[in-house]
Structures are given as C-alpha cells and as structure tokens.
Amino acid sequence: MLKTFIFLVSFGMTVIGFTYIIVYLNLLSMGYEIGEYLEFISRRSECLIGLIGFIIISIIIFTKGDSYDLHL
C-alpha cells in the first residue's frame, strides 16, 4: 500500500513538473534559444520536481515488492 501511495504522489509531481516545462515552451516563441530555454528550466524548482517524480516512479516500478503489494 505504501508503494502505491508513493507512486501516486510521484505521479502528481511528474504531471506538475512536465506541465510547467510545456508551459515554459512559450519562451521559445518570445525569442529565447534552445540553450537559454534549457538553462532556464534547469533552474526552476517546479521543473526539477517533475524530474524527481519521474525518477521515483522508475524506482517504484522496477523494484520488487512484497507478495501482497500491487505490482505496477
């Protein structure tokens, strides 16, 4: 049950983070270059939360759980 809760929380973090990354794509239409855009999103904490959430999801999926856990 704990793994399911952690999975859902990290899924929410991933959705929030990648949503901000997509929203910040508007900077490219305002004249920013790709390098400046990548530098900008690497400094934003909400974008890093998306990456951390994605890493946690990967860890949860690829680790073996107890026999009574839901295997995702």
PDB file of N, CA and C in Angstrom:
ATOM      1  N   MET A   1       0.824  -1.190   0.000  1.00  0.00           N
ATOM      2  CA  MET A   1       0.000   0.000   0.000  1.00  0.00           C
ATOM      3  C   MET A   1       0.874   1.261   0.000  1.00  0.00           C
ATOM      4  N   LEU A   2       2.001   1.185   0.691  1.00  0.00           N
ATOM      5  CA  LEU A   2       2.904   2.334   0.748  1.00  0.00           C
ATOM      6  C   LEU A   2       3.485   2.640  -0.628  1.00  0.00           C
ATOM      7  N   LYS A   3       3.842   1.574  -1.372  1.00  0.00           N
ATOM      8  CA  LYS A   3       4.383   1.789  -2.709  1.00  0.00           C
ATOM      9  C   LYS A   3       3.350   2.431  -3.626  1.00  0.00           C
ATOM     10  N   THR A   4       2.095   2.068  -3.468  1.00  0.00           N
ATOM     11  CA  THR A   4       1.042   2.664  -4.285  1.00  0.00           C
ATOM     12  C   THR A   4       0.889   4.139  -3.962  1.00  0.00           C
ATOM     13  N   PHE A   5       0.940   4.484  -2.693  1.00  0.00           N
ATOM     14  CA  PHE A   5       0.846   5.890  -2.281  1.00  0.00           C
ATOM     15  C   PHE A   5       2.021   6.695  -2.814  1.00  0.00           C
ATOM     16  N   ILE A   6       3.222   6.161  -2.687  1.00  0.00           N
ATOM     17  CA  ILE A   6       4.410   6.856  -3.191  1.00  0.00           C
ATOM     18  C   ILE A   6       4.330   7.006  -4.705  1.00  0.00           C
ATOM     19  N   PHE A   7       3.829   5.959  -5.389  1.00  0.00           N
ATOM     20  CA  PHE A   7       3.665   6.038  -6.833  1.00  0.00           C
ATOM     21  C   PHE A   7       2.707   7.165  -7.215  1.00  0.00           C
ATOM     22  N   LEU A   8       1.581   7.270  -6.527  1.00  0.00           N
ATOM     23  CA  LEU A   8       0.601   8.302  -6.860  1.00  0.00           C
ATOM     24  C   LEU A   8       1.127   9.709  -6.580  1.00  0.00           C
ATOM     25  N   VAL A   9       1.850   9.868  -5.489  1.00  0.00           N
ATOM     26  CA  VAL A   9       2.419  11.180  -5.165  1.00  0.00           C
ATOM     27  C   VAL A   9       3.472  11.564  -6.206  1.00  0.00           C
ATOM     28  N   SER A  10       4.327  10.630  -6.557  1.00  0.00           N
ATOM     29  CA  SER A  10       5.362  10.945  -7.546  1.00  0.00           C
ATOM     30  C   SER A  10       4.750  11.149  -8.936  1.00  0.00           C
ATOM     31  N   PHE A  11       3.645  10.474  -9.237  1.00  0.00           N
ATOM     32  CA  PHE A  11       2.958  10.716 -10.499  1.00  0.00           C
ATOM     33  C   PHE A  11       2.425  12.147 -10.542  1.00  0.00           C
ATOM     34  N   GLY A  12       1.871  12.613  -9.429  1.00  0.00           N
ATOM     35  CA  GLY A  12       1.411  14.000  -9.353  1.00  0.00           C
ATOM     36  C   GLY A  12       2.552  14.984  -9.525  1.00  0.00           C
ATOM     37  N   MET A  13       3.694  14.684  -8.911  1.00  0.00           N
ATOM     38  CA  MET A  13       4.865  15.547  -9.063  1.00  0.00           C
ATOM     39  C   MET A  13       5.315  15.607 -10.516  1.00  0.00           C
ATOM     40  N   THR A  14       5.289  14.460 -11.188  1.00  0.00           N
ATOM     41  CA  THR A  14       5.705  14.399 -12.583  1.00  0.00           C
ATOM     42  C   THR A  14       4.764  15.201 -13.471  1.00  0.00           C
ATOM     43  N   VAL A  15       3.473  15.076 -13.231  1.00  0.00           N
ATOM     44  CA  VAL A  15       2.498  15.807 -14.036  1.00  0.00           C
ATOM     45  C   VAL A  15       2.677  17.312 -13.858  1.00  0.00           C
ATOM     46  N   ILE A  16       2.850  17.748 -12.631  1.00  0.00           N
ATOM     47  CA  ILE A  16       3.035  19.177 -12.366  1.00  0.00           C
ATOM     48  C   ILE A  16       4.321  19.682 -13.024  1.00  0.00           C
ATOM     49  N   GLY A  17       5.408  18.943 -12.862  1.00  0.00           N
ATOM     50  CA  GLY A  17       6.684  19.371 -13.417  1.00  0.00           C
ATOM     51  C   GLY A  17       6.688  19.452 -14.927  1.00  0.00           C
ATOM     52  N   PHE A  18       6.163  18.418 -15.579  1.00  0.00           N
ATOM     53  CA  PHE A  18       6.164  18.423 -17.044  1.00  0.00           C
ATOM     54  C   PHE A  18       5.150  19.405 -17.609  1.00  0.00           C
ATOM     55  N   THR A  19       4.105  19.716 -16.847  1.00  0.00           N
ATOM     56  CA  THR A  19       3.179  20.763 -17.273  1.00  0.00           C
ATOM     57  C   THR A  19       3.886  22.107 -17.324  1.00  0.00           C
ATOM     58  N   TYR A  20       4.690  22.402 -16.313  1.00  0.00           N
ATOM     59  CA  TYR A  20       5.450  23.651 -16.319  1.00  0.00           C
ATOM     60  C   TYR A  20       6.468  23.684 -17.452  1.00  0.00           C
ATOM     61  N   ILE A  21       7.091  22.544 -17.738  1.00  0.00           N
ATOM     62  CA  ILE A  21       8.049  22.507 -18.840  1.00  0.00           C
ATOM     63  C   ILE A  21       7.355  22.835 -20.162  1.00  0.00           C
ATOM     64  N   ILE A  22       6.156  22.313 -20.351  1.00  0.00           N
ATOM     65  CA  ILE A  22       5.402  22.599 -21.571  1.00  0.00           C
ATOM     66  C   ILE A  22       4.962  24.057 -21.607  1.00  0.00           C
ATOM     67  N   VAL A  23       4.545  24.587 -20.463  1.00  0.00           N
ATOM     68  CA  VAL A  23       4.130  25.998 -20.421  1.00  0.00           C
ATOM     69  C   VAL A  23       5.310  26.910 -20.736  1.00  0.00           C
ATOM     70  N   TYR A  24       6.483  26.574 -20.232  1.00  0.00           N
ATOM     71  CA  TYR A  24       7.657  27.404 -20.479  1.00  0.00           C
ATOM     72  C   TYR A  24       8.149  27.307 -21.923  1.00  0.00           C
ATOM     73  N   LEU A  25       7.594  26.391 -22.735  1.00  0.00           N
ATOM     74  CA  LEU A  25       7.947  26.350 -24.156  1.00  0.00           C
ATOM     75  C   LEU A  25       7.549  27.641 -24.863  1.00  0.00           C
ATOM     76  N   ASN A  26       6.634  28.402 -24.274  1.00  0.00           N
ATOM     77  CA  ASN A  26       6.248  29.685 -24.850  1.00  0.00           C
ATOM     78  C   ASN A  26       7.422  30.667 -24.898  1.00  0.00           C
ATOM     79  N   LEU A  27       8.436  30.428 -24.083  1.00  0.00           N
ATOM     80  CA  LEU A  27       9.614  31.300 -24.115  1.00  0.00           C
ATOM     81  C   LEU A  27      10.318  31.231 -25.464  1.00  0.00           C
ATOM     82  N   LEU A  28      10.221  30.085 -26.131  1.00  0.00           N
ATOM     83  CA  LEU A  28      10.866  29.949 -27.439  1.00  0.00           C
ATOM     84  C   LEU A  28      10.217  30.870 -28.468  1.00  0.00           C
ATOM     85  N   SER A  29       8.917  31.076 -28.349  1.00  0.00           N
ATOM     86  CA  SER A  29       8.254  31.971 -29.297  1.00  0.00           C
ATOM     87  C   SER A  29       8.522  33.439 -28.978  1.00  0.00           C
ATOM     88  N   MET A  30       9.048  33.700 -27.783  1.00  0.00           N
ATOM     89  CA  MET A  30       9.365  35.077 -27.400  1.00  0.00           C
ATOM     90  C   MET A  30      10.806  35.450 -27.741  1.00  0.00           C
ATOM     91  N   GLY A  31      11.555  34.545 -28.362  1.00  0.00           N
ATOM     92  CA  GLY A  31      12.899  34.882 -28.811  1.00  0.00           C
ATOM     93  C   GLY A  31      14.017  34.163 -28.085  1.00  0.00           C
ATOM     94  N   TYR A  32      13.697  33.345 -27.096  1.00  0.00           N
ATOM     95  CA  TYR A  32      14.736  32.566 -26.415  1.00  0.00           C
ATOM     96  C   TYR A  32      15.242  31.475 -27.348  1.00  0.00           C
ATOM     97  N   GLU A  33      16.488  31.088 -27.181  1.00  0.00           N
ATOM     98  CA  GLU A  33      17.054  29.981 -27.936  1.00  0.00           C
ATOM     99  C   GLU A  33      16.948  28.714 -27.101  1.00  0.00           C
ATOM    100  N   ILE A  34      17.216  27.574 -27.709  1.00  0.00           N
ATOM    101  CA  ILE A  34      17.074  26.284 -27.035  1.00  0.00           C
ATOM    102  C   ILE A  34      17.990  26.201 -25.813  1.00  0.00           C
ATOM    103  N   GLY A  35      19.227  26.657 -25.951  1.00  0.00           N
ATOM    104  CA  GLY A  35      20.164  26.616 -24.831  1.00  0.00           C
ATOM    105  C   GLY A  35      19.701  27.470 -23.655  1.00  0.00           C
ATOM    106  N   GLU A  36      19.193  28.643 -23.960  1.00  0.00           N
ATOM    107  CA  GLU A  36      18.676  29.517 -22.901  1.00  0.00           C
ATOM    108  C   GLU A  36      17.449  28.903 -22.239  1.00  0.00           C
ATOM    109  N   TYR A  37      16.606  28.257 -23.044  1.00  0.00           N
ATOM    110  CA  TYR A  37      15.410  27.599 -22.508  1.00  0.00           C
ATOM    111  C   TYR A  37      15.797  26.463 -21.569  1.00  0.00           C
ATOM    112  N   LEU A  38      16.747  25.623 -21.989  1.00  0.00           N
ATOM    113  CA  LEU A  38      17.172  24.508 -21.143  1.00  0.00           C
ATOM    114  C   LEU A  38      17.823  24.998 -19.859  1.00  0.00           C
ATOM    115  N   GLU A  39      18.590  26.078 -19.954  1.00  0.00           N
ATOM    116  CA  GLU A  39      19.198  26.659 -18.762  1.00  0.00           C
ATOM    117  C   GLU A  39      18.122  27.208 -17.822  1.00  0.00           C
ATOM    118  N   PHE A  40      17.092  27.823 -18.381  1.00  0.00           N
ATOM    119  CA  PHE A  40      16.013  28.392 -17.581  1.00  0.00           C
ATOM    120  C   PHE A  40      15.243  27.308 -16.842  1.00  0.00           C
ATOM    121  N   ILE A  41      14.852  26.234 -17.548  1.00  0.00           N
ATOM    122  CA  ILE A  41      14.055  25.208 -16.871  1.00  0.00           C
ATOM    123  C   ILE A  41      14.896  24.380 -15.903  1.00  0.00           C
ATOM    124  N   SER A  42      16.216  24.342 -16.117  1.00  0.00           N
ATOM    125  CA  SER A  42      17.053  23.601 -15.164  1.00  0.00           C
ATOM    126  C   SER A  42      17.187  24.338 -13.836  1.00  0.00           C
ATOM    127  N   ARG A  43      16.897  25.627 -13.817  1.00  0.00           N
ATOM    128  CA  ARG A  43      16.980  26.411 -12.584  1.00  0.00           C
ATOM    129  C   ARG A  43      15.650  26.533 -11.866  1.00  0.00           C
ATOM    130  N   ARG A  44      14.559  26.120 -12.495  1.00  0.00           N
ATOM    131  CA  ARG A  44      13.234  26.238 -11.897  1.00  0.00           C
ATOM    132  C   ARG A  44      12.954  25.005 -11.043  1.00  0.00           C
ATOM    133  N   SER A  45      12.538  25.220  -9.806  1.00  0.00           N
ATOM    134  CA  SER A  45      12.308  24.094  -8.896  1.00  0.00           C
ATOM    135  C   SER A  45      11.123  23.243  -9.315  1.00  0.00           C
ATOM    136  N   GLU A  46      10.089  23.844  -9.896  1.00  0.00           N
ATOM    137  CA  GLU A  46       8.931  23.045 -10.288  1.00  0.00           C
ATOM    138  C   GLU A  46       9.252  22.117 -11.453  1.00  0.00           C
ATOM    139  N   CYS A  47      10.200  22.475 -12.284  1.00  0.00           N
ATOM    140  CA  CYS A  47      10.621  21.590 -13.363  1.00  0.00           C
ATOM    141  C   CYS A  47      11.475  20.453 -12.820  1.00  0.00           C
ATOM    142  N   LEU A  48      12.280  20.741 -11.829  1.00  0.00           N
ATOM    143  CA  LEU A  48      13.095  19.697 -11.205  1.00  0.00           C
ATOM    144  C   LEU A  48      12.229  18.716 -10.431  1.00  0.00           C
ATOM    145  N   ILE A  49      11.107  19.182  -9.886  1.00  0.00           N
ATOM    146  CA  ILE A  49      10.181  18.289  -9.191  1.00  0.00           C
ATOM    147  C   ILE A  49       9.642  17.245 -10.170  1.00  0.00           C
ATOM    148  N   GLY A  50       9.399  17.639 -11.403  1.00  0.00           N
ATOM    149  CA  GLY A  50       8.946  16.687 -12.417  1.00  0.00           C
ATOM    150  C   GLY A  50       9.975  15.614 -12.681  1.00  0.00           C
ATOM    151  N   LEU A  51      11.226  15.990 -12.753  1.00  0.00           N
ATOM    152  CA  LEU A  51      12.294  15.019 -12.980  1.00  0.00           C
ATOM    153  C   LEU A  51      12.443  14.082 -11.783  1.00  0.00           C
ATOM    154  N   ILE A  52      12.381  14.627 -10.578  1.00  0.00           N
ATOM    155  CA  ILE A  52      12.474  13.805  -9.372  1.00  0.00           C
ATOM    156  C   ILE A  52      11.306  12.823  -9.306  1.00  0.00           C
ATOM    157  N   GLY A  53      10.107  13.293  -9.631  1.00  0.00           N
ATOM    158  CA  GLY A  53       8.947  12.412  -9.645  1.00  0.00           C
ATOM    159  C   GLY A  53       9.099  11.289 -10.657  1.00  0.00           C
ATOM    160  N   PHE A  54       9.658  11.591 -11.827  1.00  0.00           N
ATOM    161  CA  PHE A  54       9.872  10.572 -12.846  1.00  0.00           C
ATOM    162  C   PHE A  54      10.876   9.524 -12.369  1.00  0.00           C
ATOM    163  N   ILE A  55      11.920   9.953 -11.683  1.00  0.00           N
ATOM    164  CA  ILE A  55      12.916   9.016 -11.155  1.00  0.00           C
ATOM    165  C   ILE A  55      12.300   8.119 -10.096  1.00  0.00           C
ATOM    166  N   ILE A  56      11.482   8.689  -9.214  1.00  0.00           N
ATOM    167  CA  ILE A  56      10.833   7.893  -8.166  1.00  0.00           C
ATOM    168  C   ILE A  56       9.880   6.870  -8.786  1.00  0.00           C
ATOM    169  N   ILE A  57       9.124   7.274  -9.816  1.00  0.00           N
ATOM    170  CA  ILE A  57       8.234   6.335 -10.499  1.00  0.00           C
ATOM    171  C   ILE A  57       9.034   5.174 -11.083  1.00  0.00           C
ATOM    172  N   SER A  58      10.163   5.470 -11.690  1.00  0.00           N
ATOM    173  CA  SER A  58      11.000   4.419 -12.273  1.00  0.00           C
ATOM    174  C   SER A  58      11.507   3.464 -11.199  1.00  0.00           C
ATOM    175  N   ILE A  59      11.907   3.999 -10.077  1.00  0.00           N
ATOM    176  CA  ILE A  59      12.384   3.152  -8.981  1.00  0.00           C
ATOM    177  C   ILE A  59      11.261   2.274  -8.455  1.00  0.00           C
ATOM    178  N   ILE A  60      10.075   2.844  -8.264  1.00  0.00           N
ATOM    179  CA  ILE A  60       8.942   2.088  -7.740  1.00  0.00           C
ATOM    180  C   ILE A  60       8.552   0.967  -8.699  1.00  0.00           C
ATOM    181  N   ILE A  61       8.554   1.237  -9.990  1.00  0.00           N
ATOM    182  CA  ILE A  61       8.121   0.233 -10.961  1.00  0.00           C
ATOM    183  C   ILE A  61       9.128  -0.914 -11.062  1.00  0.00           C
ATOM    184  N   PHE A  62      10.405  -0.610 -11.037  1.00  0.00           N
ATOM    185  CA  PHE A  62      11.412  -1.634 -11.290  1.00  0.00           C
ATOM    186  C   PHE A  62      11.949  -2.333 -10.049  1.00  0.00           C
ATOM    187  N   THR A  63      11.453  -1.994  -8.866  1.00  0.00           N
ATOM    188  CA  THR A  63      11.869  -2.731  -7.668  1.00  0.00           C
ATOM    189  C   THR A  63      10.817  -3.777  -7.340  1.00  0.00           C
ATOM    190  N   LYS A  64      11.274  -4.869  -6.812  1.00  0.00           N
ATOM    191  CA  LYS A  64      10.362  -5.953  -6.456  1.00  0.00           C
ATOM    192  C   LYS A  64       9.713  -5.632  -5.119  1.00  0.00           C
ATOM    193  N   GLY A  65       8.414  -5.789  -5.070  1.00  0.00           N
ATOM    194  CA  GLY A  65       7.675  -5.504  -3.851  1.00  0.00           C
ATOM    195  C   GLY A  65       7.365  -6.771  -3.082  1.00  0.00           C
ATOM    196  N   ASP A  66       6.631  -6.610  -1.999  1.00  0.00           N
ATOM    197  CA  ASP A  66       6.173  -7.760  -1.218  1.00  0.00           C
ATOM    198  C   ASP A  66       5.129  -8.530  -2.017  1.00  0.00           C
ATOM    199  N   SER A  67       4.823  -9.716  -1.589  1.00  0.00           N
ATOM    200  CA  SER A  67       3.885 -10.545  -2.337  1.00  0.00           C
ATOM    201  C   SER A  67       2.464  -9.996  -2.286  1.00  0.00           C
ATOM    202  N   TYR A  68       2.142  -9.177  -1.301  1.00  0.00           N
ATOM    203  CA  TYR A  68       0.781  -8.637  -1.191  1.00  0.00           C
ATOM    204  C   TYR A  68       0.673  -7.244  -1.797  1.00  0.00           C
ATOM    205  N   ASP A  69       1.760  -6.703  -2.329  1.00  0.00           N
ATOM    206  CA  ASP A  69       1.729  -5.403  -2.970  1.00  0.00           C
ATOM    207  C   ASP A  69       1.161  -5.501  -4.375  1.00  0.00           C
ATOM    208  N   LEU A  70       0.595  -4.409  -4.827  1.00  0.00           N
ATOM    209  CA  LEU A  70       0.140  -4.301  -6.211  1.00  0.00           C
ATOM    210  C   LEU A  70       1.370  -4.097  -7.084  1.00  0.00           C
ATOM    211  N   HIS A  71       1.589  -4.978  -8.008  1.00  0.00           N
ATOM    212  CA  HIS A  71       2.751  -4.874  -8.891  1.00  0.00           C
ATOM    213  C   HIS A  71       2.373  -4.039 -10.085  1.00  0.00           C
ATOM    214  N   LEU A  72       2.969  -2.849 -10.161  1.00  0.00           N
ATOM    215  CA  LEU A  72       2.664  -1.938 -11.259  1.00  0.00           C
ATOM    216  C   LEU A  72       3.567  -2.196 -12.435  1.00  0.00           C
TER     217      LEU A  72
END
